[in-house]
Amino acid sequence: LTDAFPAYRRGPLKGEWDNKATSSATARRRLPWGLTPSSPEAVGASKGPSTASPREEACQTCVWKEACLRLGIPRRRATEHWLGLHCEAVRRSSIHLMENVAAGLPAGAVAAVLKPSEGPPEGSLTVRGYDFDHGLDYHTLLQSYLTTGFQATSFGQAVNEINRMIEAKLTPLGEEEGNHADLNSCPRRLTGCTIFLGFTSNLISSGIREVIRYLVQHNMVDVLVTTAGGVEEDLIKCLAPTYIGDFNLRGKELRQNGINRIGNLLVPNDNYCKFEDWLMPILDQMVTEQDTEGVKWTPSKLIARLGKEINNPESVYYWAQKNSIPVLSPALTDGSLGDMIFFHSYKKPGLVLDIVEDLRLINTQAIFARKTGMIILGGGLVKHHIANANLMRNGADFSVYINTAQEFDGSDSGARPDEAVSWGKIRMDAKPVKVYADASLIFPLLVAETFAQKSNAFAPEKQND
């Protein structure tokens, strides 16, 4: 040590170290920082308050300062750091660091490789996955995602966030809290948390349609937001099926055969022909009611009417109109439904859809809610329309995003929840979650761990339109 630290020869204890009669054991007891971490004396020295004399403490601090000086650490910081080494693990690391410096190893490399650790952030969980040696339990398997890491942990956090939504939703309201007659034209009973569910059209084309239908049928969500395709694909499936195909099928050959591809799903073009045959008489009747009865149609009223006319319990919108769950689709004309409205305008012109009334509808749903939760599958219009409505109340209380979009291009689809906090669309004290994953994989599992676990707590579906 005196070779490694020349300044030590100049210290007040020089005589003791020049005295060759000093036994090795005595030196070890006096210099816990000079021991190997595994030696019994080092273990004893690193536990609890120091038992060294003031002269020995001064000696230890001197050597520590010299070591830190070689590592480029200011002397004041070195003294403070030495006095703060109360943790046994940190003190052992520091002892080991000084040993390596004393041994002549490159100080910078030693400092970089053997940097002592501080404790992990408060509340950090230990990483642990599912152990199949304990048998197969799907509920326990999904619970283990929280401590698995990566997007599995995000999934576990999303489960917790939705369960907080449900707990708030099931909290009874006071008598005054539920009296807002202007909330919407088809009043829906307020709950402790108004849950907005947004989804893109491809999810209705897929089997996620049945998961969404389950939530709507059993009154588990309060407001739906989707695109035109998210409406028409549900209704078309009541008329004709969609099929599983392949992502690699050639577009030219499919077009020649009248087959439309949605990812690896196939929709025969005949399905849209059937949809036109079914829809046109309904649009005729709507124009008549508008002209003779003064009915003011909105996209949400049109969707409710179509849900009633389809009269099929497999339909999402059949249950939405039964349970007075408004469905907002401000871009309702952007799809096959818009194509049919376009063709109809030549046959019987005059249909008017008021999107401003629907804007008031979705905004007031947020304004008058005690708390709000957002579950948004995908991005684009459905994501922002829900988030912007929640701006009217200074942000949603609970939020879960599920999509694969990235934020580097500045798109709203890829924006993380924290960006919405900056706009006032999610509350500053909220704990929002984004899961970077395909919703067709994640959402059924998410519902299985949340809503389906509490199905008996929700109000039963209505029996009349």
Foldseek 3Di string as FASTA:
>chain_A
DCVLQVVLCVDPCVVVVVPPPDDPVNVCLLALLQDQCPDPSVLVCLADDHPHDPVSVVSNLVLQLSLVVLLVHDSVVSNVVVVPSNDSQQSNLSSVLSNCSSVVDRNPVSCVPSPGDDDDPPPDDAADADDCVVPDDPLVRLCNLCRPDDLSVLLNVLLVLLQVQQVQQLDQDDPVLQDDPVLDPLDATAGSAAEEEEEELVCCLDPVQQVLLVCLQLVVHAAYEYALSNLVSLLLCLVPNKAFAAQPDDPVVCVVVQWDDDRRIIDRNVSLVVVLVLCLVVVVVQQVCCVPVVDAAAVQNVSLVSLCSSPDSSGSSVSCNQNVRTYDHLNNLPDSSVVSVVVSCVVPNDDDHDHVSVLSNLLSSQQSHNAYEYEYEFDDPRPVSNLVSQLSNQAHQGYEYEEQADCPVPDRRRDDVVVSNVSSSHPPPHDYGYRNDHCVPSVVVSCVSHCVVPSVSTDHTGDDD
